[in-house]
C-alpha atoms as a PDB file:
ATOM      1  CA  MET A   1     -19.305  -7.024 -10.667  1.00  0.00           C
ATOM      2  CA  VAL A   2     -22.853  -8.137  -9.983  1.00  0.00           C
ATOM      3  CA  PRO A   3     -25.285  -5.775 -11.821  1.00  0.00           C
ATOM      4  CA  SER A   4     -27.267  -5.023  -8.670  1.00  0.00           C
ATOM      5  CA  SER A   5     -23.994  -4.272  -6.878  1.00  0.00           C
ATOM      6  CA  LYS A   6     -23.119  -1.703  -9.515  1.00  0.00           C
ATOM      7  CA  VAL A   7     -26.167   0.373  -8.570  1.00  0.00           C
ATOM      8  CA  ILE A   8     -25.314   0.084  -4.884  1.00  0.00           C
ATOM      9  CA  VAL A   9     -21.697   1.136  -5.557  1.00  0.00           C
ATOM     10  CA  TRP A  10     -22.781   4.211  -7.513  1.00  0.00           C
ATOM     11  CA  ALA A  11     -25.258   5.116  -4.779  1.00  0.00           C
ATOM     12  CA  GLY A  12     -22.496   4.901  -2.183  1.00  0.00           C
ATOM     13  CA  LEU A  13     -20.129   7.007  -4.288  1.00  0.00           C
ATOM     14  CA  CYS A  14     -22.843   9.639  -4.817  1.00  0.00           C
ATOM     15  CA  LEU A  15     -23.526   9.746  -1.086  1.00  0.00           C
ATOM     16  CA  LEU A  16     -19.804  10.297  -0.465  1.00  0.00           C
ATOM     17  CA  GLY A  17     -19.813  13.162  -2.961  1.00  0.00           C
ATOM     18  CA  LEU A  18     -22.862  14.740  -1.348  1.00  0.00           C
ATOM     19  CA  GLY A  19     -21.332  14.230   2.075  1.00  0.00           C
ATOM     20  CA  ALA A  20     -18.282  16.215   1.020  1.00  0.00           C
ATOM     21  CA  TYR A  21     -20.485  19.002  -0.334  1.00  0.00           C
ATOM     22  CA  PHE A  22     -22.744  19.434   2.699  1.00  0.00           C
ATOM     23  CA  PRO A  23     -21.382  20.866   5.981  1.00  0.00           C
ATOM     24  CA  TRP A  24     -19.883  18.501   8.529  1.00  0.00           C
ATOM     25  CA  VAL A  25     -20.415  20.980  11.381  1.00  0.00           C
ATOM     26  CA  ILE A  26     -23.472  23.111  12.196  1.00  0.00           C
ATOM     27  CA  THR A  27     -24.424  25.381  15.063  1.00  0.00           C
ATOM     28  CA  ASN A  28     -26.594  23.601  17.614  1.00  0.00           C
ATOM     29  CA  PRO A  29     -30.106  25.057  17.233  1.00  0.00           C
ATOM     30  CA  THR A  30     -30.942  24.310  20.873  1.00  0.00           C
ATOM     31  CA  TYR A  31     -27.887  26.124  22.220  1.00  0.00           C
ATOM     32  CA  GLU A  32     -28.880  29.257  24.127  1.00  0.00           C
ATOM     33  CA  TYR A  33     -26.186  31.595  22.771  1.00  0.00           C
ATOM     34  CA  ILE A  34     -25.908  32.885  19.254  1.00  0.00           C
ATOM     35  CA  HIS A  35     -22.332  32.904  18.043  1.00  0.00           C
ATOM     36  CA  LEU A  36     -21.107  34.612  14.945  1.00  0.00           C
ATOM     37  CA  VAL A  37     -18.144  32.354  14.393  1.00  0.00           C
ATOM     38  CA  LYS A  38     -17.510  30.110  11.491  1.00  0.00           C
ATOM     39  CA  ILE A  39     -15.256  27.130  11.999  1.00  0.00           C
ATOM     40  CA  ALA A  40     -13.822  24.623   9.538  1.00  0.00           C
ATOM     41  CA  GLY A  41     -16.504  22.305   8.249  1.00  0.00           C
ATOM     42  CA  MET A  42     -19.422  24.729   8.493  1.00  0.00           C
ATOM     43  CA  GLY A  43     -19.168  25.734   4.848  1.00  0.00           C
ATOM     44  CA  SER A  44     -18.484  22.365   3.286  1.00  0.00           C
ATOM     45  CA  GLY A  45     -17.175  18.983   4.255  1.00  0.00           C
ATOM     46  CA  THR A  46     -14.131  19.596   2.067  1.00  0.00           C
ATOM     47  CA  GLU A  47     -12.841  21.917   4.778  1.00  0.00           C
ATOM     48  CA  THR A  48     -12.330  18.829   6.969  1.00  0.00           C
ATOM     49  CA  TYR A  49     -11.927  15.100   6.295  1.00  0.00           C
ATOM     50  CA  GLY A  50     -14.567  15.343   3.565  1.00  0.00           C
ATOM     51  CA  LEU A  51     -11.823  16.304   1.132  1.00  0.00           C
ATOM     52  CA  VAL A  52     -10.141  12.925   1.639  1.00  0.00           C
ATOM     53  CA  THR A  53     -13.385  11.008   1.138  1.00  0.00           C
ATOM     54  CA  LEU A  54     -14.252  13.097  -1.933  1.00  0.00           C
ATOM     55  CA  VAL A  55     -10.881  12.402  -3.572  1.00  0.00           C
ATOM     56  CA  LEU A  56     -11.219   8.674  -2.863  1.00  0.00           C
ATOM     57  CA  ALA A  57     -14.776   8.629  -4.224  1.00  0.00           C
ATOM     58  CA  VAL A  58     -13.720  10.441  -7.415  1.00  0.00           C
ATOM     59  CA  ILE A  59     -10.782   8.050  -7.928  1.00  0.00           C
ATOM     60  CA  ALA A  60     -13.114   5.058  -7.421  1.00  0.00           C
ATOM     61  CA  ALA A  61     -15.716   6.477  -9.824  1.00  0.00           C
ATOM     62  CA  LEU A  62     -13.108   7.195 -12.513  1.00  0.00           C
ATOM     63  CA  GLY A  63     -11.618   3.741 -12.012  1.00  0.00           C
ATOM     64  CA  ILE A  64     -15.021   2.160 -12.604  1.00  0.00           C
ATOM     65  CA  LEU A  65     -15.726   4.309 -15.668  1.00  0.00           C
ATOM     66  CA  ILE A  66     -12.302   3.837 -17.263  1.00  0.00           C
ATOM     67  CA  GLU A  67     -12.185   0.222 -16.061  1.00  0.00           C
ATOM     68  CA  ILE A  68      -8.810   0.325 -14.355  1.00  0.00           C
ATOM     69  CA  ARG A  69      -8.506  -3.115 -12.842  1.00  0.00           C
ATOM     70  CA  TRP A  70      -7.086  -2.374  -9.381  1.00  0.00           C
ATOM     71  CA  ILE A  71      -9.240   0.721  -8.835  1.00  0.00           C
ATOM     72  CA  SER A  72     -12.490  -0.932  -9.887  1.00  0.00           C
ATOM     73  CA  SER A  73     -11.854  -3.935  -7.621  1.00  0.00           C
ATOM     74  CA  GLU A  74     -13.850  -4.839  -4.531  1.00  0.00           C
ATOM     75  CA  ALA A  75     -10.711  -4.373  -2.435  1.00  0.00           C
ATOM     76  CA  PHE A  76     -10.337  -0.730  -3.421  1.00  0.00           C
ATOM     77  CA  ARG A  77     -14.024  -0.028  -2.811  1.00  0.00           C
ATOM     78  CA  THR A  78     -13.670  -1.690   0.581  1.00  0.00           C
ATOM     79  CA  VAL A  79     -10.757   0.614   1.380  1.00  0.00           C
ATOM     80  CA  VAL A  80     -12.773   3.686   0.272  1.00  0.00           C
ATOM     81  CA  GLY A  81     -15.760   2.606   2.371  1.00  0.00           C
ATOM     82  CA  THR A  82     -13.621   1.799   5.409  1.00  0.00           C
ATOM     83  CA  VAL A  83     -11.707   5.087   5.246  1.00  0.00           C
ATOM     84  CA  SER A  84     -14.977   7.019   4.908  1.00  0.00           C
ATOM     85  CA  VAL A  85     -16.586   5.276   7.869  1.00  0.00           C
ATOM     86  CA  VAL A  86     -13.505   5.578  10.069  1.00  0.00           C
ATOM     87  CA  LEU A  87     -12.939   9.267   9.285  1.00  0.00           C
ATOM     88  CA  SER A  88     -16.610  10.056   9.908  1.00  0.00           C
ATOM     89  CA  LEU A  89     -16.638   8.253  13.222  1.00  0.00           C
ATOM     90  CA  VAL A  90     -13.336   9.795  14.328  1.00  0.00           C
ATOM     91  CA  PHE A  91     -14.641  13.266  13.474  1.00  0.00           C
ATOM     92  CA  PHE A  92     -17.930  12.577  15.231  1.00  0.00           C
ATOM     93  CA  PHE A  93     -16.438  11.207  18.457  1.00  0.00           C
ATOM     94  CA  THR A  94     -13.386  13.444  18.757  1.00  0.00           C
ATOM     95  CA  GLN A  95     -14.592  16.761  17.379  1.00  0.00           C
ATOM     96  CA  TYR A  96     -18.348  17.363  17.310  1.00  0.00           C
ATOM     97  CA  GLY A  97     -21.030  14.971  18.412  1.00  0.00           C
ATOM     98  CA  VAL A  98     -24.632  15.762  19.186  1.00  0.00           C
ATOM     99  CA  THR A  99     -24.166  18.085  22.162  1.00  0.00           C
ATOM    100  CA  GLY A 100     -22.414  21.401  22.623  1.00  0.00           C
ATOM    101  CA  MET A 101     -22.302  24.660  20.729  1.00  0.00           C
ATOM    102  CA  PHE A 102     -21.399  22.949  17.449  1.00  0.00           C
ATOM    103  CA  ILE A 103     -22.731  19.568  16.364  1.00  0.00           C
ATOM    104  CA  ALA A 104     -22.217  17.167  13.488  1.00  0.00           C
ATOM    105  CA  GLY A 105     -23.870  18.278  10.275  1.00  0.00           C
ATOM    106  CA  THR A 106     -25.609  16.568   7.385  1.00  0.00           C
ATOM    107  CA  GLY A 107     -22.449  15.934   5.388  1.00  0.00           C
ATOM    108  CA  LEU A 108     -20.951  13.808   8.133  1.00  0.00           C
ATOM    109  CA  TYR A 109     -23.983  11.531   8.232  1.00  0.00           C
ATOM    110  CA  LEU A 110     -24.141  11.271   4.421  1.00  0.00           C
ATOM    111  CA  THR A 111     -20.473  10.288   4.337  1.00  0.00           C
ATOM    112  CA  LEU A 112     -21.018   7.687   7.047  1.00  0.00           C
ATOM    113  CA  VAL A 113     -23.980   6.167   5.206  1.00  0.00           C
ATOM    114  CA  GLY A 114     -22.111   6.277   1.881  1.00  0.00           C
ATOM    115  CA  GLY A 115     -19.180   4.420   3.430  1.00  0.00           C
ATOM    116  CA  PHE A 116     -21.484   1.746   4.840  1.00  0.00           C
ATOM    117  CA  VAL A 117     -23.214   1.394   1.462  1.00  0.00           C
ATOM    118  CA  LEU A 118     -19.830   0.838  -0.246  1.00  0.00           C
ATOM    119  CA  LEU A 119     -18.899  -1.756   2.375  1.00  0.00           C
ATOM    120  CA  ILE A 120     -22.211  -3.562   1.839  1.00  0.00           C
ATOM    121  CA  ALA A 121     -21.763  -3.545  -1.946  1.00  0.00           C
ATOM    122  CA  SER A 122     -18.202  -4.834  -1.671  1.00  0.00           C
ATOM    123  CA  GLY A 123     -19.285  -7.549   0.730  1.00  0.00           C
ATOM    124  CA  LYS A 124     -22.125  -8.579  -1.545  1.00  0.00           C
ATOM    125  CA  SER A 125     -19.795  -8.817  -4.555  1.00  0.00           C
ATOM    126  CA  PHE A 126     -17.234 -10.751  -2.540  1.00  0.00           C
ATOM    127  CA  LEU A 127     -19.777 -13.250  -1.266  1.00  0.00           C
ATOM    128  CA  TYR A 128     -21.223 -13.697  -4.768  1.00  0.00           C
ATOM    129  CA  SER A 129     -17.778 -14.317  -6.273  1.00  0.00           C
ATOM    130  CA  GLN A 130     -16.876 -16.794  -3.509  1.00  0.00           C
ATOM    131  CA  ARG A 131     -20.118 -18.688  -3.948  1.00  0.00           C
ATOM    132  CA  MET A 132     -19.729 -18.924  -7.700  1.00  0.00           C
ATOM    133  CA  SER A 133     -16.044 -19.928  -7.587  1.00  0.00           C
ATOM    134  CA  SER A 134     -16.423 -22.903  -5.270  1.00  0.00           C
ATOM    135  CA  PRO A 135     -17.759 -26.157  -6.768  1.00  0.00           C
ATOM    136  CA  ARG A 136     -20.075 -26.642  -3.794  1.00  0.00           C
ATOM    137  CA  GLY A 137     -21.491 -23.147  -4.209  1.00  0.00           C
ATOM    138  CA  LEU A 138     -21.986 -23.689  -7.922  1.00  0.00           C
ATOM    139  CA  ARG A 139     -23.894 -26.927  -7.291  1.00  0.00           C
ATOM    140  CA  PHE A 140     -25.971 -25.148  -4.672  1.00  0.00           C
ATOM    141  CA  PHE A 141     -26.701 -22.311  -7.097  1.00  0.00           C
ATOM    142  CA  GLN A 142     -27.631 -24.755  -9.861  1.00  0.00           C
ATOM    143  CA  SER A 143     -29.953 -26.691  -7.569  1.00  0.00           C
ATOM    144  CA  ASP A 144     -31.653 -23.404  -6.647  1.00  0.00           C
ATOM    145  CA  CYS A 145     -32.273 -22.712 -10.314  1.00  0.00           C
ATOM    146  CA  GLY A 146     -33.979 -26.051 -10.892  1.00  0.00           C
ATOM    147  CA  GLU A 147     -31.043 -27.804 -12.581  1.00  0.00           C
ATOM    148  CA  SER A 148     -29.750 -31.044 -11.181  1.00  0.00           C
ATOM    149  CA  ALA A 149     -26.427 -31.052  -9.317  1.00  0.00           C
ATOM    150  CA  ASP A 150     -25.117 -34.004 -11.386  1.00  0.00           C
ATOM    151  CA  GLN A 151     -25.070 -32.151 -14.709  1.00  0.00           C
END
């Protein structure tokens, strides 16, 4: 893994963890009625799809720490990022958006951003590995560093 990608991956995993901790649903402050109901997701994101994203983030973090090959791969991080983004968007568009009595909370947005950060880190690692594995990319990289392409 590219060292700069490692920081981005850990940032994405931390955002997923925070997204699961913070509420995915809040009461709309501009709504004219005060309701004393508490629905799933108002306490923590783990009451909704945040539990799935938290479990995936913990598995990915442990896989990176223990260095389990298939868990610490770009493919697995891409799956974690994609699942996080898709679940966040599904929850946002089908359950609670930005209007109504209840709206999407902070945890939903943190999970969405964390998923995008993981996708960006995985894409960056993939592009770096593709560029370094092809002979043309290696020559291009060497010419950028001041070495001649013939060496």
